[in-house]
Structures are given as structure tokens and as C-alpha cells.
Amino acid sequence: MPVFQVHLPEQQFSGERKRALARALPEALHEALGIPAADQFVALTTHGPDELFLDPGYMGMQRSERAIIITVLFTAERPLADKRKLVAVICRNAADALGIEPDDVFIALMPVPKENFSFGRGELQLASESN
């Protein structure tokens, strides 16, 4: 049930590649954490050349003009080992789906207390009464 927000450079990827990415991200959750792959919450946003900026060499990367940013909202109780596995699988799946290099995949995990998620109806389905 994590939520993905992906920022893509405009006109770099076909609709087919974008749909492949939208499938690949929930599959990464399933592979890395055992979360059902059907739990798909993915938003893709494209940005023009004056709207998306990634340092091409930060942290020793060799990023191209096809570099992307992925943010992932997920429940906060995950241990570091789970986070390491998750970003590795997300990176691999995203690179494969889009046909880009792993250096072009910037990922930010954003842990959120589980009681802060509403899946609809204006309810906090994961909140217990003691929260």
C-alpha cells in the first residue's frame, strides 16, 4: 500500500514504458517486502526541461537527461534492512521498465505513521482507537 510519486522528464518515455513502470513499482513492493502486487498506488508526473533538475554527478552518479525521481510514502515501522532491499528492487525494476541506467533512478523513502493513511471514505483505516 505504499504510494509512489514519480517525476519524469517530459517526452523521454512512451506511454508503454510509463505503464510498465506503473506495474513494476508495486511488483518491487511484492518482491522486496511481500506486499500484494495488486496494491497499486502510483502517480506519474512529467516535467519540461525547466521543471526537473537532478545534479548529474552528485554522489558519484553519471545521470543522463532521462533521470527520474521516485518518492515512496510507506509505513514508518520498516527496519533498515527492508528499506535497503526495497530501494534496490525499485531501482532495478524502474531502470528495466524505462530502459535507463540505475544511476538515473533517484529514490526518496518517506516513512509515514500508518495511522496517517486514508484509503477512501474519509477514514483512517489503519489507525487504532488508542492512537
C-alpha atoms as a PDB file:
ATOM      1  CA  MET A   1       0.000   0.000   0.000  1.00  0.00           C
ATOM      2  CA  PRO A   2       2.887   2.424  -0.250  1.00  0.00           C
ATOM      3  CA  VAL A   3       2.267   5.386  -2.539  1.00  0.00           C
ATOM      4  CA  PHE A   4       4.684   6.168  -5.376  1.00  0.00           C
ATOM      5  CA  GLN A   5       5.140   9.588  -6.937  1.00  0.00           C
ATOM      6  CA  VAL A   6       7.412   9.516  -9.978  1.00  0.00           C
ATOM      7  CA  HIS A   7       8.793  12.639 -11.637  1.00  0.00           C
ATOM      8  CA  LEU A   8       9.775  12.018 -15.266  1.00  0.00           C
ATOM      9  CA  PRO A   9      11.377  14.271 -17.855  1.00  0.00           C
ATOM     10  CA  GLU A  10       8.825  15.202 -20.496  1.00  0.00           C
ATOM     11  CA  GLN A  11       8.846  13.343 -23.834  1.00  0.00           C
ATOM     12  CA  GLN A  12      11.512  10.834 -22.795  1.00  0.00           C
ATOM     13  CA  PHE A  13       9.283   7.787 -22.291  1.00  0.00           C
ATOM     14  CA  SER A  14       6.448   6.269 -24.285  1.00  0.00           C
ATOM     15  CA  GLY A  15       3.059   5.504 -22.782  1.00  0.00           C
ATOM     16  CA  GLU A  16       4.016   1.831 -22.913  1.00  0.00           C
ATOM     17  CA  ARG A  17       7.162   2.480 -20.843  1.00  0.00           C
ATOM     18  CA  LYS A  18       5.176   4.533 -18.324  1.00  0.00           C
ATOM     19  CA  ARG A  19       2.600   1.764 -17.919  1.00  0.00           C
ATOM     20  CA  ALA A  20       5.438  -0.740 -17.484  1.00  0.00           C
ATOM     21  CA  LEU A  21       6.856   1.458 -14.717  1.00  0.00           C
ATOM     22  CA  ALA A  22       3.440   1.722 -13.036  1.00  0.00           C
ATOM     23  CA  ARG A  23       3.333  -2.103 -12.929  1.00  0.00           C
ATOM     24  CA  ALA A  24       6.999  -2.501 -11.944  1.00  0.00           C
ATOM     25  CA  LEU A  25       6.807  -0.410  -8.772  1.00  0.00           C
ATOM     26  CA  PRO A  26       4.107  -2.447  -6.974  1.00  0.00           C
ATOM     27  CA  GLU A  27       5.927  -5.584  -8.159  1.00  0.00           C
ATOM     28  CA  ALA A  28       9.021  -4.263  -6.350  1.00  0.00           C
ATOM     29  CA  LEU A  29       6.991  -3.992  -3.152  1.00  0.00           C
ATOM     30  CA  HIS A  30       5.872  -7.569  -3.552  1.00  0.00           C
ATOM     31  CA  GLU A  31       9.372  -8.879  -4.238  1.00  0.00           C
ATOM     32  CA  ALA A  32      11.127  -6.877  -1.528  1.00  0.00           C
ATOM     33  CA  LEU A  33       8.518  -6.795   1.244  1.00  0.00           C
ATOM     34  CA  GLY A  34       5.823  -9.333   0.388  1.00  0.00           C
ATOM     35  CA  ILE A  35       3.183  -6.615  -0.106  1.00  0.00           C
ATOM     36  CA  PRO A  36       0.490  -7.747  -2.577  1.00  0.00           C
ATOM     37  CA  ALA A  37       1.395  -6.542  -6.085  1.00  0.00           C
ATOM     38  CA  ALA A  38      -2.256  -5.584  -6.618  1.00  0.00           C
ATOM     39  CA  ASP A  39      -1.811  -2.782  -4.036  1.00  0.00           C
ATOM     40  CA  GLN A  40      -1.108  -0.219  -6.741  1.00  0.00           C
ATOM     41  CA  PHE A  41      -0.919   3.464  -5.839  1.00  0.00           C
ATOM     42  CA  VAL A  42       1.300   5.164  -8.435  1.00  0.00           C
ATOM     43  CA  ALA A  43       1.239   8.731  -9.786  1.00  0.00           C
ATOM     44  CA  LEU A  44       3.437   9.713 -12.730  1.00  0.00           C
ATOM     45  CA  THR A  45       4.140  13.366 -13.442  1.00  0.00           C
ATOM     46  CA  THR A  46       6.110  14.681 -16.416  1.00  0.00           C
ATOM     47  CA  HIS A  47       8.171  17.842 -16.278  1.00  0.00           C
ATOM     48  CA  GLY A  48       9.522  20.099 -19.009  1.00  0.00           C
ATOM     49  CA  PRO A  49      13.203  20.992 -19.338  1.00  0.00           C
ATOM     50  CA  ASP A  50      12.825  23.963 -16.975  1.00  0.00           C
ATOM     51  CA  GLU A  51      10.946  21.964 -14.316  1.00  0.00           C
ATOM     52  CA  LEU A  52      13.052  18.940 -13.342  1.00  0.00           C
ATOM     53  CA  PHE A  53      16.629  19.297 -12.162  1.00  0.00           C
ATOM     54  CA  LEU A  54      18.885  16.469 -10.946  1.00  0.00           C
ATOM     55  CA  ASP A  55      22.573  17.058 -10.304  1.00  0.00           C
ATOM     56  CA  PRO A  56      24.215  14.848 -12.952  1.00  0.00           C
ATOM     57  CA  GLY A  57      27.205  13.893 -10.816  1.00  0.00           C
ATOM     58  CA  TYR A  58      26.054  14.053  -7.198  1.00  0.00           C
ATOM     59  CA  MET A  59      27.308  11.109  -5.078  1.00  0.00           C
ATOM     60  CA  GLY A  60      29.441   9.893  -7.989  1.00  0.00           C
ATOM     61  CA  MET A  61      26.493   9.198 -10.309  1.00  0.00           C
ATOM     62  CA  GLN A  62      26.514   9.681 -14.053  1.00  0.00           C
ATOM     63  CA  ARG A  63      22.951  10.815 -14.631  1.00  0.00           C
ATOM     64  CA  SER A  64      21.554  11.433 -18.100  1.00  0.00           C
ATOM     65  CA  GLU A  65      18.760  13.701 -19.320  1.00  0.00           C
ATOM     66  CA  ARG A  66      16.428  10.725 -18.700  1.00  0.00           C
ATOM     67  CA  ALA A  67      16.981  10.701 -14.911  1.00  0.00           C
ATOM     68  CA  ILE A  68      13.879  10.363 -12.711  1.00  0.00           C
ATOM     69  CA  ILE A  69      12.884  10.979  -9.094  1.00  0.00           C
ATOM     70  CA  ILE A  70      10.763   8.434  -7.215  1.00  0.00           C
ATOM     71  CA  THR A  71       9.302   9.237  -3.809  1.00  0.00           C
ATOM     72  CA  VAL A  72       7.702   6.462  -1.796  1.00  0.00           C
ATOM     73  CA  LEU A  73       5.306   7.040   1.091  1.00  0.00           C
ATOM     74  CA  PHE A  74       5.253   3.910   3.241  1.00  0.00           C
ATOM     75  CA  THR A  75       4.547   2.878   6.823  1.00  0.00           C
ATOM     76  CA  ALA A  76       7.240   4.024   9.220  1.00  0.00           C
ATOM     77  CA  GLU A  77       7.890   0.817  11.145  1.00  0.00           C
ATOM     78  CA  ARG A  78      10.104  -0.825   8.480  1.00  0.00           C
ATOM     79  CA  PRO A  79      13.675  -1.710   9.547  1.00  0.00           C
ATOM     80  CA  LEU A  80      16.724  -0.504   7.611  1.00  0.00           C
ATOM     81  CA  ALA A  81      17.271  -3.942   6.019  1.00  0.00           C
ATOM     82  CA  ASP A  82      13.786  -3.749   4.459  1.00  0.00           C
ATOM     83  CA  LYS A  83      14.490  -0.228   3.175  1.00  0.00           C
ATOM     84  CA  ARG A  84      17.791  -1.307   1.601  1.00  0.00           C
ATOM     85  CA  LYS A  85      16.137  -4.243  -0.151  1.00  0.00           C
ATOM     86  CA  LEU A  86      13.216  -2.107  -1.284  1.00  0.00           C
ATOM     87  CA  VAL A  87      15.306   0.638  -2.909  1.00  0.00           C
ATOM     88  CA  ALA A  88      17.475  -1.955  -4.668  1.00  0.00           C
ATOM     89  CA  VAL A  89      14.445  -3.676  -6.207  1.00  0.00           C
ATOM     90  CA  ILE A  90      12.699  -0.381  -7.046  1.00  0.00           C
ATOM     91  CA  CYS A  91      15.840   0.841  -8.806  1.00  0.00           C
ATOM     92  CA  ARG A  92      16.245  -2.362 -10.803  1.00  0.00           C
ATOM     93  CA  ASN A  93      12.569  -2.536 -11.780  1.00  0.00           C
ATOM     94  CA  ALA A  94      12.359   1.148 -12.723  1.00  0.00           C
ATOM     95  CA  ALA A  95      15.554   1.011 -14.790  1.00  0.00           C
ATOM     96  CA  ASP A  96      14.330  -2.114 -16.595  1.00  0.00           C
ATOM     97  CA  ALA A  97      10.829  -0.718 -17.224  1.00  0.00           C
ATOM     98  CA  LEU A  98      12.094   2.589 -18.614  1.00  0.00           C
ATOM     99  CA  GLY A  99      15.279   1.356 -20.311  1.00  0.00           C
ATOM    100  CA  ILE A 100      17.525   3.662 -18.273  1.00  0.00           C
ATOM    101  CA  GLU A 101      20.644   3.188 -16.176  1.00  0.00           C
ATOM    102  CA  PRO A 102      20.478   2.668 -12.392  1.00  0.00           C
ATOM    103  CA  ASP A 103      22.327   5.999 -11.946  1.00  0.00           C
ATOM    104  CA  ASP A 104      19.236   7.674 -13.435  1.00  0.00           C
ATOM    105  CA  VAL A 105      16.937   6.459 -10.628  1.00  0.00           C
ATOM    106  CA  PHE A 106      16.837   8.748  -7.577  1.00  0.00           C
ATOM    107  CA  ILE A 107      14.663   7.339  -4.767  1.00  0.00           C
ATOM    108  CA  ALA A 108      13.458   9.043  -1.590  1.00  0.00           C
ATOM    109  CA  LEU A 109      11.713   6.881   1.005  1.00  0.00           C
ATOM    110  CA  MET A 110       9.293   8.873   3.110  1.00  0.00           C
ATOM    111  CA  PRO A 111       8.152   6.943   6.190  1.00  0.00           C
ATOM    112  CA  VAL A 112       4.717   7.906   7.457  1.00  0.00           C
ATOM    113  CA  PRO A 113       2.938   6.632  10.584  1.00  0.00           C
ATOM    114  CA  LYS A 114       0.445   4.059   9.336  1.00  0.00           C
ATOM    115  CA  GLU A 115      -2.462   5.809  11.035  1.00  0.00           C
ATOM    116  CA  ASN A 116      -1.970   8.739   8.606  1.00  0.00           C
ATOM    117  CA  PHE A 117      -3.209   6.815   5.539  1.00  0.00           C
ATOM    118  CA  SER A 118      -6.794   7.034   4.301  1.00  0.00           C
ATOM    119  CA  PHE A 119      -7.745   4.634   1.511  1.00  0.00           C
ATOM    120  CA  GLY A 120     -11.077   6.348   0.944  1.00  0.00           C
ATOM    121  CA  ARG A 121     -14.355   7.261   2.659  1.00  0.00           C
ATOM    122  CA  GLY A 122     -12.563   9.858   4.782  1.00  0.00           C
ATOM    123  CA  GLU A 123     -11.469   7.165   7.223  1.00  0.00           C
ATOM    124  CA  LEU A 124      -8.075   6.283   8.705  1.00  0.00           C
ATOM    125  CA  GLN A 125      -8.389   2.539   8.183  1.00  0.00           C
ATOM    126  CA  LEU A 126      -5.061   1.623   9.832  1.00  0.00           C
ATOM    127  CA  ALA A 127      -5.498   3.784  12.933  1.00  0.00           C
ATOM    128  CA  SER A 128      -6.312   2.062  16.173  1.00  0.00           C
ATOM    129  CA  GLU A 129      -8.617   3.671  18.703  1.00  0.00           C
ATOM    130  CA  SER A 130      -5.646   4.183  21.076  1.00  0.00           C
ATOM    131  CA  ASN A 131      -3.835   6.485  18.561  1.00  0.00           C
END
